[in-house]
Structure formats: C-alpha cells, structure tokens
Amino acid sequence: MEAIWQWGLALIHTIQQVHGPVLNTIFKAITFMGEEEFFFVLFPLLFWCVDFALGVRLTATFLISIYVNFWLKDLFAHPRPFQLDPTVKLLDIRGYGLPSGHAESAVVVWGVIAAWFNKAWSWVIAISLMILIGFSRVYLGVHFPTDVLGGWAIGGVFLLVYLTLAPKIEAWLKRSSLTVQLVLAAAIPLLLMLFHHTNYRTSPMAVLIGIGTGTMLSRRIARFNAAGPLWQRGARLVIGAMALFFLHFGLRQIFPAEGEHFYLIMRFVRYTLIGLWMSLGAPLLFLRMRLASSGNNNGGDSLPEEA
C-alpha cells in the first residue's frame, strides 16, 4: 500500500499547487455537504416539506451505509494523507481514511434523490455533486484518491441495492403486521450495533430505530402529507428544526458527556428521540397546528401499512 499512498500524495500535491483562501473556502463548503450538520437540515426538509416516503427511504439507506462505512474504516485502518505528510492538511478531521464516507454518502444521498425525480437533469446534478464532493476530500488532503474511489464504489453498491430491493422490501412490510414491523424496526439496528459496537455506531443505529418505529406508527396515527403551500412548508421546517436543534444540541449539554457514567445510554436515547421526532413527533404536531393535511403523501402509499 505504501506505493499507492505515495502516488496519492503526489497527486494531492499536484492538485494543491493551485489553491488559496478562495478555493479552500469553496471546497470546504462543498465538503460540508457530507457533514452531519448538513444532513440534519436535508433529511427533515425531505420528510416535512417534500415527500415523507422519500425521507424515510433515503434516511434508512443512508444510515445503514454509514454503519458499513464505519465498519470498513475500522477493518482496513488506513491512514489519511496528512498523517503521512502534514503539509497537505487543509481541514481538521479524525478517524481512518478508507473508504471515504463523504464520497459514499454522496452517491447514496444524491443518487436516491435523483432516482426519485427520475429526470435527466436530476442525474446530471447528482453525478456532478458526487464528483465534486469526492474531489473536495482529495483537494483538502483528508483522503487519498483511492479512499474516494472506494467510497464511490460502495455507495454505488448501496444505490443499486436500494433501486433493486427497496420496492420488494416495502411490499413485504406492507403485508406484515404492525408487531412484526415494530420488532424489525428495533431488532435490526440493535443487532447491527451489537455486532460492531462503538460510540459512532450508536448514533446512526439509534436514529434508525427512531425512524423505523416512528414511521410504522405514523402511518396509523399521523397520516402526514408533506404537500402544501410554500408558507406551510417553511413554517414546518422552522418549527421542526427548532425542536430538532434542542434534541441534538440542547440535550447534549444536559446529558452526560463522553467519559461520564451513562454517556452511551443517553447518547442512544438522544439519537432515538431525533429519529422519532422526524418521523412521528413533528408530523403529529404539524397536523395539530393545521400546518399540514392528512392523507397519502406522494409516494407514501408504498410505505408499510398493517395487514
């Protein structure tokens, strides 16, 4: 691997020959589209303002892909470029390099969205973002080119599996009882978390439990429709985001900090609440506030209902 890493460093040096404050800012902005904070805006936007079903499908696929990415990073334990050559470092980051989580999530997130629109322009935009986000990681010196290629490849596998199997899985869940749906929504993430358990694996699996259980219940008690005039969608996003901000940042100040007793348990609780709020709590509130109407939501019919 040493020869590949040295080739990667040489390429990064070549790319960084043309860099400066402006380009650094641009590529940091692009790479932000793969950060947790960005997804905390994008996913609620899809859930509450675009299409509830799309939000569920995308978030679930994304969370599982992130879990696999973390597992592969620990398995390969490859260094980042700046750990071999500190001069290429243009961004502070920690953890292993291969595969690039940003590159992988770019393929999953924008590929799923492009497939939902199913238009030529949506795929042009999606592929452009995949390339730009992956390239930004190399430019900033936080990933070798091979890390990005690996992320794109794994993301492509997830996207292909999603496009192939998601309709079949949803059809099967639709025929299942509510009990089966709730058990699966909790059991699968818990098993994955126990299989490879660290603090960073806890968060996506906890959100997945919240999303899964909240979605199954919401189809029965909160038939939420994300359609509506722009002012309603904007109001939903602002109100929902305020509560989401509290759950994510406010509870972090209240709950035990890393290294303290019960930290992991309360971290699990916090992220589960985030998933439940996105999929159940917020839709219920929006309906009570008359900021949304009940009924089918675009692609919502394909979500599971009790047999």
C-alpha atoms as a PDB file:
ATOM      1  CA  MET A   1       0.000   0.000   0.000  1.00  0.00           C
ATOM      2  CA  GLU A   2       2.931   2.318   0.550  1.00  0.00           C
ATOM      3  CA  ALA A   3       3.408   2.833  -3.196  1.00  0.00           C
ATOM      4  CA  ILE A   4      -0.300   3.642  -3.661  1.00  0.00           C
ATOM      5  CA  TRP A   5      -0.206   6.113  -0.778  1.00  0.00           C
ATOM      6  CA  GLN A   6       2.867   7.822  -2.192  1.00  0.00           C
ATOM      7  CA  TRP A   7       1.160   8.074  -5.588  1.00  0.00           C
ATOM      8  CA  GLY A   8      -1.858   9.568  -3.853  1.00  0.00           C
ATOM      9  CA  LEU A   9       0.265  12.111  -2.006  1.00  0.00           C
ATOM     10  CA  ALA A  10       1.955  13.118  -5.258  1.00  0.00           C
ATOM     11  CA  LEU A  11      -1.454  13.675  -6.857  1.00  0.00           C
ATOM     12  CA  ILE A  12      -2.661  15.717  -3.886  1.00  0.00           C
ATOM     13  CA  HIS A  13       0.454  17.907  -4.090  1.00  0.00           C
ATOM     14  CA  THR A  14      -0.217  18.427  -7.799  1.00  0.00           C
ATOM     15  CA  ILE A  15      -3.829  19.414  -7.156  1.00  0.00           C
ATOM     16  CA  GLN A  16      -2.871  21.733  -4.314  1.00  0.00           C
ATOM     17  CA  GLN A  17      -0.446  23.664  -6.471  1.00  0.00           C
ATOM     18  CA  VAL A  18      -3.492  25.748  -7.380  1.00  0.00           C
ATOM     19  CA  HIS A  19      -5.056  26.629  -4.057  1.00  0.00           C
ATOM     20  CA  GLY A  20      -5.673  29.591  -1.819  1.00  0.00           C
ATOM     21  CA  PRO A  21      -8.208  31.097   0.601  1.00  0.00           C
ATOM     22  CA  VAL A  22     -10.968  31.343  -2.005  1.00  0.00           C
ATOM     23  CA  LEU A  23     -10.618  27.787  -3.317  1.00  0.00           C
ATOM     24  CA  ASN A  24     -10.213  26.487   0.220  1.00  0.00           C
ATOM     25  CA  THR A  25     -13.488  28.127   1.218  1.00  0.00           C
ATOM     26  CA  ILE A  26     -15.276  26.777  -1.861  1.00  0.00           C
ATOM     27  CA  PHE A  27     -14.159  23.197  -1.324  1.00  0.00           C
ATOM     28  CA  LYS A  28     -14.831  23.344   2.409  1.00  0.00           C
ATOM     29  CA  ALA A  29     -18.366  24.437   1.531  1.00  0.00           C
ATOM     30  CA  ILE A  30     -18.682  21.547  -0.908  1.00  0.00           C
ATOM     31  CA  THR A  31     -17.323  19.039   1.583  1.00  0.00           C
ATOM     32  CA  PHE A  32     -19.814  20.373   4.179  1.00  0.00           C
ATOM     33  CA  MET A  33     -22.498  18.671   2.069  1.00  0.00           C
ATOM     34  CA  GLY A  34     -21.243  15.405   3.513  1.00  0.00           C
ATOM     35  CA  GLU A  35     -21.251  16.521   7.162  1.00  0.00           C
ATOM     36  CA  GLU A  36     -23.720  15.526   9.861  1.00  0.00           C
ATOM     37  CA  GLU A  37     -24.940  19.116  10.247  1.00  0.00           C
ATOM     38  CA  PHE A  38     -25.893  19.276   6.574  1.00  0.00           C
ATOM     39  CA  PHE A  39     -27.920  16.090   6.785  1.00  0.00           C
ATOM     40  CA  PHE A  40     -29.708  17.431   9.865  1.00  0.00           C
ATOM     41  CA  VAL A  41     -31.141  20.043   7.507  1.00  0.00           C
ATOM     42  CA  LEU A  42     -31.582  17.969   4.349  1.00  0.00           C
ATOM     43  CA  PHE A  43     -33.388  14.959   5.811  1.00  0.00           C
ATOM     44  CA  PRO A  44     -36.021  16.928   7.789  1.00  0.00           C
ATOM     45  CA  LEU A  45     -36.553  19.059   4.691  1.00  0.00           C
ATOM     46  CA  LEU A  46     -37.376  15.917   2.717  1.00  0.00           C
ATOM     47  CA  PHE A  47     -39.529  14.431   5.494  1.00  0.00           C
ATOM     48  CA  TRP A  48     -41.625  17.503   6.211  1.00  0.00           C
ATOM     49  CA  CYS A  49     -41.545  19.599   3.044  1.00  0.00           C
ATOM     50  CA  VAL A  50     -41.006  17.338   0.023  1.00  0.00           C
ATOM     51  CA  ASP A  51     -42.100  13.710   0.420  1.00  0.00           C
ATOM     52  CA  PHE A  52     -42.367  11.751   3.653  1.00  0.00           C
ATOM     53  CA  ALA A  53     -41.763   8.402   1.951  1.00  0.00           C
ATOM     54  CA  LEU A  54     -38.641   9.694   0.202  1.00  0.00           C
ATOM     55  CA  GLY A  55     -37.313  10.930   3.538  1.00  0.00           C
ATOM     56  CA  VAL A  56     -37.831   7.532   5.151  1.00  0.00           C
ATOM     57  CA  ARG A  57     -36.251   5.579   2.306  1.00  0.00           C
ATOM     58  CA  LEU A  58     -33.269   7.871   1.948  1.00  0.00           C
ATOM     59  CA  THR A  59     -32.552   8.224   5.661  1.00  0.00           C
ATOM     60  CA  ALA A  60     -32.728   4.472   6.280  1.00  0.00           C
ATOM     61  CA  THR A  61     -30.451   3.695   3.336  1.00  0.00           C
ATOM     62  CA  PHE A  62     -28.027   6.439   4.338  1.00  0.00           C
ATOM     63  CA  LEU A  63     -27.812   5.294   7.980  1.00  0.00           C
ATOM     64  CA  ILE A  64     -27.093   1.681   7.043  1.00  0.00           C
ATOM     65  CA  SER A  65     -24.464   2.805   4.523  1.00  0.00           C
ATOM     66  CA  ILE A  66     -22.786   4.947   7.203  1.00  0.00           C
ATOM     67  CA  TYR A  67     -22.728   1.961   9.558  1.00  0.00           C
ATOM     68  CA  VAL A  68     -20.995  -0.132   6.886  1.00  0.00           C
ATOM     69  CA  ASN A  69     -18.587   2.709   6.167  1.00  0.00           C
ATOM     70  CA  PHE A  70     -17.541   2.920   9.829  1.00  0.00           C
ATOM     71  CA  TRP A  71     -17.107  -0.859   9.954  1.00  0.00           C
ATOM     72  CA  LEU A  72     -14.917  -0.879   6.832  1.00  0.00           C
ATOM     73  CA  LYS A  73     -12.819   2.015   8.110  1.00  0.00           C
ATOM     74  CA  ASP A  74     -12.022   0.065  11.271  1.00  0.00           C
ATOM     75  CA  LEU A  75     -11.408  -3.094   9.256  1.00  0.00           C
ATOM     76  CA  PHE A  76      -8.892  -1.502   6.860  1.00  0.00           C
ATOM     77  CA  ALA A  77      -7.463   1.037   9.347  1.00  0.00           C
ATOM     78  CA  HIS A  78      -5.839   3.041   6.547  1.00  0.00           C
ATOM     79  CA  PRO A  79      -4.215   6.384   7.390  1.00  0.00           C
ATOM     80  CA  ARG A  80      -5.252   9.734   5.991  1.00  0.00           C
ATOM     81  CA  PRO A  81      -2.867  11.646   3.705  1.00  0.00           C
ATOM     82  CA  PHE A  82      -1.946  14.277   6.294  1.00  0.00           C
ATOM     83  CA  GLN A  83      -0.892  11.552   8.717  1.00  0.00           C
ATOM     84  CA  LEU A  84       1.880  10.668   6.272  1.00  0.00           C
ATOM     85  CA  ASP A  85       2.534  14.219   5.074  1.00  0.00           C
ATOM     86  CA  PRO A  86       1.178  17.018   7.331  1.00  0.00           C
ATOM     87  CA  THR A  87       1.804  19.650   4.626  1.00  0.00           C
ATOM     88  CA  VAL A  88      -1.278  18.541   2.635  1.00  0.00           C
ATOM     89  CA  LYS A  89      -3.700  19.095   5.510  1.00  0.00           C
ATOM     90  CA  LEU A  90      -6.264  21.825   4.795  1.00  0.00           C
ATOM     91  CA  LEU A  91      -9.021  20.572   7.106  1.00  0.00           C
ATOM     92  CA  ASP A  92      -9.115  19.162  10.638  1.00  0.00           C
ATOM     93  CA  ILE A  93     -10.593  15.674  10.814  1.00  0.00           C
ATOM     94  CA  ARG A  94     -10.013  12.407  12.633  1.00  0.00           C
ATOM     95  CA  GLY A  95     -10.523   8.699  12.038  1.00  0.00           C
ATOM     96  CA  TYR A  96      -9.375   6.304   9.348  1.00  0.00           C
ATOM     97  CA  GLY A  97      -9.439   7.048   5.632  1.00  0.00           C
ATOM     98  CA  LEU A  98     -10.654   4.096   3.545  1.00  0.00           C
ATOM     99  CA  PRO A  99     -13.379   4.251   2.312  1.00  0.00           C
ATOM    100  CA  SER A 100     -14.371   7.905   2.139  1.00  0.00           C
ATOM    101  CA  GLY A 101     -17.661   8.397   3.956  1.00  0.00           C
ATOM    102  CA  HIS A 102     -18.302  11.651   2.126  1.00  0.00           C
ATOM    103  CA  ALA A 103     -17.871  10.022  -1.286  1.00  0.00           C
ATOM    104  CA  GLU A 104     -20.020   7.063  -0.294  1.00  0.00           C
ATOM    105  CA  SER A 105     -22.836   9.163   1.157  1.00  0.00           C
ATOM    106  CA  ALA A 106     -22.759  11.486  -1.878  1.00  0.00           C
ATOM    107  CA  VAL A 107     -23.585   8.563  -4.158  1.00  0.00           C
ATOM    108  CA  VAL A 108     -26.279   7.229  -1.832  1.00  0.00           C
ATOM    109  CA  VAL A 109     -27.971  10.530  -0.986  1.00  0.00           C
ATOM    110  CA  TRP A 110     -27.915  12.257  -4.350  1.00  0.00           C
ATOM    111  CA  GLY A 111     -28.453   9.020  -6.248  1.00  0.00           C
ATOM    112  CA  VAL A 112     -31.627   8.252  -4.295  1.00  0.00           C
ATOM    113  CA  ILE A 113     -32.891  11.809  -4.761  1.00  0.00           C
ATOM    114  CA  ALA A 114     -32.111  11.708  -8.496  1.00  0.00           C
ATOM    115  CA  ALA A 115     -33.958   8.389  -8.808  1.00  0.00           C
ATOM    116  CA  TRP A 116     -36.977   9.926  -7.064  1.00  0.00           C
ATOM    117  CA  PHE A 117     -37.130  12.808  -9.576  1.00  0.00           C
ATOM    118  CA  ASN A 118     -36.240  10.351 -12.367  1.00  0.00           C
ATOM    119  CA  LYS A 119     -35.244  13.120 -14.768  1.00  0.00           C
ATOM    120  CA  ALA A 120     -32.099  13.554 -16.848  1.00  0.00           C
ATOM    121  CA  TRP A 121     -31.322  16.885 -15.154  1.00  0.00           C
ATOM    122  CA  SER A 122     -31.588  15.309 -11.695  1.00  0.00           C
ATOM    123  CA  TRP A 123     -28.951  12.732 -12.602  1.00  0.00           C
ATOM    124  CA  VAL A 124     -26.676  15.403 -14.086  1.00  0.00           C
ATOM    125  CA  ILE A 125     -26.865  17.368 -10.838  1.00  0.00           C
ATOM    126  CA  ALA A 126     -26.448  14.236  -8.705  1.00  0.00           C
ATOM    127  CA  ILE A 127     -23.386  12.965 -10.575  1.00  0.00           C
ATOM    128  CA  SER A 128     -21.847  16.443 -10.523  1.00  0.00           C
ATOM    129  CA  LEU A 129     -22.259  16.605  -6.730  1.00  0.00           C
ATOM    130  CA  MET A 130     -20.826  13.105  -6.315  1.00  0.00           C
ATOM    131  CA  ILE A 131     -17.721  14.129  -8.264  1.00  0.00           C
ATOM    132  CA  LEU A 132     -17.318  17.497  -6.553  1.00  0.00           C
ATOM    133  CA  ILE A 133     -17.751  16.151  -3.023  1.00  0.00           C
ATOM    134  CA  GLY A 134     -15.299  13.328  -3.677  1.00  0.00           C
ATOM    135  CA  PHE A 135     -12.770  15.677  -5.274  1.00  0.00           C
ATOM    136  CA  SER A 136     -13.065  18.120  -2.358  1.00  0.00           C
ATOM    137  CA  ARG A 137     -11.815  15.406   0.003  1.00  0.00           C
ATOM    138  CA  VAL A 138      -8.687  14.922  -2.090  1.00  0.00           C
ATOM    139  CA  TYR A 139      -8.132  18.662  -2.536  1.00  0.00           C
ATOM    140  CA  LEU A 140      -8.357  19.232   1.233  1.00  0.00           C
ATOM    141  CA  GLY A 141      -5.831  16.483   1.874  1.00  0.00           C
ATOM    142  CA  VAL A 142      -8.103  14.367   4.066  1.00  0.00           C
ATOM    143  CA  HIS A 143      -8.455  11.413   1.679  1.00  0.00           C
ATOM    144  CA  PHE A 144      -6.300   9.580  -0.811  1.00  0.00           C
ATOM    145  CA  PRO A 145      -7.815   9.225  -4.294  1.00  0.00           C
ATOM    146  CA  THR A 146      -8.197   5.508  -3.595  1.00  0.00           C
ATOM    147  CA  ASP A 147     -10.288   6.317  -0.491  1.00  0.00           C
ATOM    148  CA  VAL A 148     -12.666   8.318  -2.663  1.00  0.00           C
ATOM    149  CA  LEU A 149     -12.826   5.637  -5.345  1.00  0.00           C
ATOM    150  CA  GLY A 150     -13.619   3.080  -2.654  1.00  0.00           C
ATOM    151  CA  GLY A 151     -16.364   5.311  -1.248  1.00  0.00           C
ATOM    152  CA  TRP A 152     -17.898   5.801  -4.676  1.00  0.00           C
ATOM    153  CA  ALA A 153     -17.837   2.045  -5.318  1.00  0.00           C
ATOM    154  CA  ILE A 154     -19.511   1.132  -2.011  1.00  0.00           C
ATOM    155  CA  GLY A 155     -22.032   3.932  -2.430  1.00  0.00           C
ATOM    156  CA  GLY A 156     -22.805   2.616  -5.899  1.00  0.00           C
ATOM    157  CA  VAL A 157     -23.490  -0.841  -4.465  1.00  0.00           C
ATOM    158  CA  PHE A 158     -25.864   0.623  -1.899  1.00  0.00           C
ATOM    159  CA  LEU A 159     -27.637   2.658  -4.551  1.00  0.00           C
ATOM    160  CA  LEU A 160     -28.039  -0.390  -6.773  1.00  0.00           C
ATOM    161  CA  VAL A 161     -29.367  -2.477  -3.884  1.00  0.00           C
ATOM    162  CA  TYR A 162     -31.771   0.318  -2.977  1.00  0.00           C
ATOM    163  CA  LEU A 163     -33.121   0.642  -6.511  1.00  0.00           C
ATOM    164  CA  THR A 164     -33.472  -3.132  -6.836  1.00  0.00           C
ATOM    165  CA  LEU A 165     -34.708  -4.276  -3.443  1.00  0.00           C
ATOM    166  CA  ALA A 166     -36.449  -1.305  -1.804  1.00  0.00           C
ATOM    167  CA  PRO A 167     -39.779  -1.798  -3.636  1.00  0.00           C
ATOM    168  CA  LYS A 168     -39.800  -5.520  -2.771  1.00  0.00           C
ATOM    169  CA  ILE A 169     -38.968  -4.900   0.898  1.00  0.00           C
ATOM    170  CA  GLU A 170     -41.653  -2.230   1.185  1.00  0.00           C
ATOM    171  CA  ALA A 171     -44.222  -4.522  -0.432  1.00  0.00           C
ATOM    172  CA  TRP A 172     -43.357  -7.287   2.059  1.00  0.00           C
ATOM    173  CA  LEU A 173     -43.533  -4.917   5.028  1.00  0.00           C
ATOM    174  CA  LYS A 174     -46.901  -3.645   3.833  1.00  0.00           C
ATOM    175  CA  ARG A 175     -48.261  -7.176   4.132  1.00  0.00           C
ATOM    176  CA  SER A 176     -46.787  -7.659   7.620  1.00  0.00           C
ATOM    177  CA  SER A 177     -48.500  -6.887  10.908  1.00  0.00           C
ATOM    178  CA  LEU A 178     -47.651  -3.820  12.957  1.00  0.00           C
ATOM    179  CA  THR A 179     -45.998  -6.033  15.562  1.00  0.00           C
ATOM    180  CA  VAL A 180     -43.637  -7.546  13.002  1.00  0.00           C
ATOM    181  CA  GLN A 181     -42.839  -4.114  11.614  1.00  0.00           C
ATOM    182  CA  LEU A 182     -42.012  -2.656  15.039  1.00  0.00           C
ATOM    183  CA  VAL A 183     -39.923  -5.659  16.053  1.00  0.00           C
ATOM    184  CA  LEU A 184     -37.873  -5.448  12.868  1.00  0.00           C
ATOM    185  CA  ALA A 185     -37.500  -1.672  13.188  1.00  0.00           C
ATOM    186  CA  ALA A 186     -35.884  -2.137  16.596  1.00  0.00           C
ATOM    187  CA  ALA A 187     -34.171  -5.520  16.266  1.00  0.00           C
ATOM    188  CA  ILE A 188     -32.179  -4.964  13.062  1.00  0.00           C
ATOM    189  CA  PRO A 189     -30.416  -1.769  14.203  1.00  0.00           C
ATOM    190  CA  LEU A 190     -29.788  -3.243  17.671  1.00  0.00           C
ATOM    191  CA  LEU A 191     -28.217  -6.373  16.187  1.00  0.00           C
ATOM    192  CA  LEU A 192     -26.027  -4.287  13.888  1.00  0.00           C
ATOM    193  CA  MET A 193     -24.974  -2.107  16.810  1.00  0.00           C
ATOM    194  CA  LEU A 194     -24.094  -5.121  18.951  1.00  0.00           C
ATOM    195  CA  PHE A 195     -22.175  -6.712  16.083  1.00  0.00           C
ATOM    196  CA  HIS A 196     -19.828  -3.746  15.842  1.00  0.00           C
ATOM    197  CA  HIS A 197     -20.238  -1.509  18.834  1.00  0.00           C
ATOM    198  CA  THR A 198     -18.583   1.888  19.302  1.00  0.00           C
ATOM    199  CA  ASN A 199     -19.832   5.358  20.161  1.00  0.00           C
ATOM    200  CA  TYR A 200     -20.005   6.334  16.489  1.00  0.00           C
ATOM    201  CA  ARG A 201     -22.052   3.254  15.556  1.00  0.00           C
ATOM    202  CA  THR A 202     -24.574   4.015  18.288  1.00  0.00           C
ATOM    203  CA  SER A 203     -25.782   7.262  16.706  1.00  0.00           C
ATOM    204  CA  PRO A 204     -26.882   6.079  13.229  1.00  0.00           C
ATOM    205  CA  MET A 205     -28.465   2.910  14.589  1.00  0.00           C
ATOM    206  CA  ALA A 206     -30.350   4.838  17.275  1.00  0.00           C
ATOM    207  CA  VAL A 207     -31.708   7.246  14.658  1.00  0.00           C
ATOM    208  CA  LEU A 208     -32.662   4.260  12.502  1.00  0.00           C
ATOM    209  CA  ILE A 209     -34.668   2.769  15.384  1.00  0.00           C
ATOM    210  CA  GLY A 210     -36.440   6.071  15.887  1.00  0.00           C
ATOM    211  CA  ILE A 211     -37.131   6.497  12.173  1.00  0.00           C
ATOM    212  CA  GLY A 212     -38.325   2.914  11.770  1.00  0.00           C
ATOM    213  CA  THR A 213     -40.691   2.790  14.744  1.00  0.00           C
ATOM    214  CA  GLY A 214     -41.903   6.331  14.157  1.00  0.00           C
ATOM    215  CA  THR A 215     -42.702   5.613  10.519  1.00  0.00           C
ATOM    216  CA  MET A 216     -44.671   2.462  11.281  1.00  0.00           C
ATOM    217  CA  LEU A 217     -46.737   4.302  13.883  1.00  0.00           C
ATOM    218  CA  SER A 218     -47.153   7.477  11.846  1.00  0.00           C
ATOM    219  CA  ARG A 219     -48.882   5.587   9.034  1.00  0.00           C
ATOM    220  CA  ARG A 220     -51.641   4.781  11.532  1.00  0.00           C
ATOM    221  CA  ILE A 221     -51.961   7.814  13.766  1.00  0.00           C
ATOM    222  CA  ALA A 222     -50.481  10.663  11.719  1.00  0.00           C
ATOM    223  CA  ARG A 223     -51.275  10.282   8.040  1.00  0.00           C
ATOM    224  CA  PHE A 224     -48.989  13.176   7.250  1.00  0.00           C
ATOM    225  CA  ASN A 225     -48.851  14.754   3.797  1.00  0.00           C
ATOM    226  CA  ALA A 226     -45.802  16.906   3.035  1.00  0.00           C
ATOM    227  CA  ALA A 227     -47.577  18.760   0.255  1.00  0.00           C
ATOM    228  CA  GLY A 228     -48.973  22.244   0.744  1.00  0.00           C
ATOM    229  CA  PRO A 229     -48.225  25.904   0.035  1.00  0.00           C
ATOM    230  CA  LEU A 230     -44.694  27.194   0.489  1.00  0.00           C
ATOM    231  CA  TRP A 231     -45.536  29.128   3.645  1.00  0.00           C
ATOM    232  CA  GLN A 232     -46.762  25.931   5.322  1.00  0.00           C
ATOM    233  CA  ARG A 233     -43.663  24.004   4.317  1.00  0.00           C
ATOM    234  CA  GLY A 234     -41.442  26.814   5.518  1.00  0.00           C
ATOM    235  CA  ALA A 235     -43.255  27.002   8.848  1.00  0.00           C
ATOM    236  CA  ARG A 236     -42.923  23.247   9.302  1.00  0.00           C
ATOM    237  CA  LEU A 237     -39.206  23.375   8.639  1.00  0.00           C
ATOM    238  CA  VAL A 238     -38.604  26.234  11.067  1.00  0.00           C
ATOM    239  CA  ILE A 239     -40.723  24.787  13.892  1.00  0.00           C
ATOM    240  CA  GLY A 240     -39.468  21.242  13.384  1.00  0.00           C
ATOM    241  CA  ALA A 241     -35.861  22.360  13.143  1.00  0.00           C
ATOM    242  CA  MET A 242     -36.092  24.271  16.422  1.00  0.00           C
ATOM    243  CA  ALA A 243     -37.118  21.122  18.261  1.00  0.00           C
ATOM    244  CA  LEU A 244     -34.537  19.092  16.375  1.00  0.00           C
ATOM    245  CA  PHE A 245     -31.856  21.598  17.366  1.00  0.00           C
ATOM    246  CA  PHE A 246     -32.812  21.155  21.011  1.00  0.00           C
ATOM    247  CA  LEU A 247     -32.761  17.362  20.787  1.00  0.00           C
ATOM    248  CA  HIS A 248     -29.375  17.347  19.100  1.00  0.00           C
ATOM    249  CA  PHE A 249     -27.518  20.206  20.755  1.00  0.00           C
ATOM    250  CA  GLY A 250     -29.578  21.057  23.828  1.00  0.00           C
ATOM    251  CA  LEU A 251     -29.807  17.543  25.246  1.00  0.00           C
ATOM    252  CA  ARG A 252     -26.085  17.099  24.574  1.00  0.00           C
ATOM    253  CA  GLN A 253     -25.461  19.854  27.116  1.00  0.00           C
ATOM    254  CA  ILE A 254     -27.813  18.263  29.639  1.00  0.00           C
ATOM    255  CA  PHE A 255     -26.939  14.585  29.230  1.00  0.00           C
ATOM    256  CA  PRO A 256     -23.657  13.048  30.471  1.00  0.00           C
ATOM    257  CA  ALA A 257     -20.567  13.967  28.452  1.00  0.00           C
ATOM    258  CA  GLU A 258     -18.241  11.441  26.833  1.00  0.00           C
ATOM    259  CA  GLY A 259     -16.365   9.511  29.508  1.00  0.00           C
ATOM    260  CA  GLU A 260     -19.041  10.042  32.157  1.00  0.00           C
ATOM    261  CA  HIS A 261     -21.405   7.397  33.512  1.00  0.00           C
ATOM    262  CA  PHE A 262     -24.378   6.530  31.297  1.00  0.00           C
ATOM    263  CA  TYR A 263     -22.941   8.562  28.405  1.00  0.00           C
ATOM    264  CA  LEU A 264     -23.527   5.829  25.821  1.00  0.00           C
ATOM    265  CA  ILE A 265     -27.038   5.058  27.037  1.00  0.00           C
ATOM    266  CA  MET A 266     -28.095   8.694  26.954  1.00  0.00           C
ATOM    267  CA  ARG A 267     -26.448   9.185  23.563  1.00  0.00           C
ATOM    268  CA  PHE A 268     -28.574   6.296  22.319  1.00  0.00           C
ATOM    269  CA  VAL A 269     -31.692   7.890  23.839  1.00  0.00           C
ATOM    270  CA  ARG A 270     -30.909  11.294  22.316  1.00  0.00           C
ATOM    271  CA  TYR A 271     -30.479   9.996  18.791  1.00  0.00           C
ATOM    272  CA  THR A 272     -33.520   7.712  19.064  1.00  0.00           C
ATOM    273  CA  LEU A 273     -35.585  10.755  20.029  1.00  0.00           C
ATOM    274  CA  ILE A 274     -34.235  12.575  16.978  1.00  0.00           C
ATOM    275  CA  GLY A 275     -35.478   9.782  14.719  1.00  0.00           C
ATOM    276  CA  LEU A 276     -38.853   9.655  16.461  1.00  0.00           C
ATOM    277  CA  TRP A 277     -39.285  13.412  16.180  1.00  0.00           C
ATOM    278  CA  MET A 278     -38.533  13.445  12.465  1.00  0.00           C
ATOM    279  CA  SER A 279     -40.893  10.584  11.618  1.00  0.00           C
ATOM    280  CA  LEU A 280     -43.673  10.841  14.209  1.00  0.00           C
ATOM    281  CA  GLY A 281     -43.500  13.761  16.640  1.00  0.00           C
ATOM    282  CA  ALA A 282     -43.151  16.545  14.087  1.00  0.00           C
ATOM    283  CA  PRO A 283     -45.829  15.204  11.698  1.00  0.00           C
ATOM    284  CA  LEU A 284     -48.272  14.923  14.624  1.00  0.00           C
ATOM    285  CA  LEU A 285     -47.521  18.474  15.699  1.00  0.00           C
ATOM    286  CA  PHE A 286     -47.903  19.822  12.168  1.00  0.00           C
ATOM    287  CA  LEU A 287     -51.303  18.163  11.849  1.00  0.00           C
ATOM    288  CA  ARG A 288     -52.460  19.558  15.205  1.00  0.00           C
ATOM    289  CA  MET A 289     -51.255  23.032  14.214  1.00  0.00           C
ATOM    290  CA  ARG A 290     -53.015  22.711  10.835  1.00  0.00           C
ATOM    291  CA  LEU A 291     -49.722  23.220   9.041  1.00  0.00           C
ATOM    292  CA  ALA A 292     -50.290  20.024   7.060  1.00  0.00           C
ATOM    293  CA  SER A 293     -53.128  17.879   5.827  1.00  0.00           C
ATOM    294  CA  SER A 294     -53.580  14.189   6.477  1.00  0.00           C
ATOM    295  CA  GLY A 295     -53.705  11.610   3.737  1.00  0.00           C
ATOM    296  CA  ASN A 296     -51.403   9.948   1.251  1.00  0.00           C
ATOM    297  CA  ASN A 297     -48.170  11.786   0.592  1.00  0.00           C
ATOM    298  CA  ASN A 298     -46.985  11.431  -2.989  1.00  0.00           C
ATOM    299  CA  GLY A 299     -45.073   8.159  -2.772  1.00  0.00           C
ATOM    300  CA  GLY A 300     -46.413   7.477   0.701  1.00  0.00           C
ATOM    301  CA  ASP A 301     -48.696   4.648  -0.414  1.00  0.00           C
ATOM    302  CA  SER A 302     -45.676   2.409  -0.792  1.00  0.00           C
ATOM    303  CA  LEU A 303     -44.893   2.677   2.889  1.00  0.00           C
ATOM    304  CA  PRO A 304     -45.973  -0.278   5.003  1.00  0.00           C
ATOM    305  CA  GLU A 305     -49.422  -0.447   6.476  1.00  0.00           C
ATOM    306  CA  GLU A 306     -50.861  -3.007   8.824  1.00  0.00           C
ATOM    307  CA  ALA A 307     -52.305  -6.010   7.057  1.00  0.00           C
END
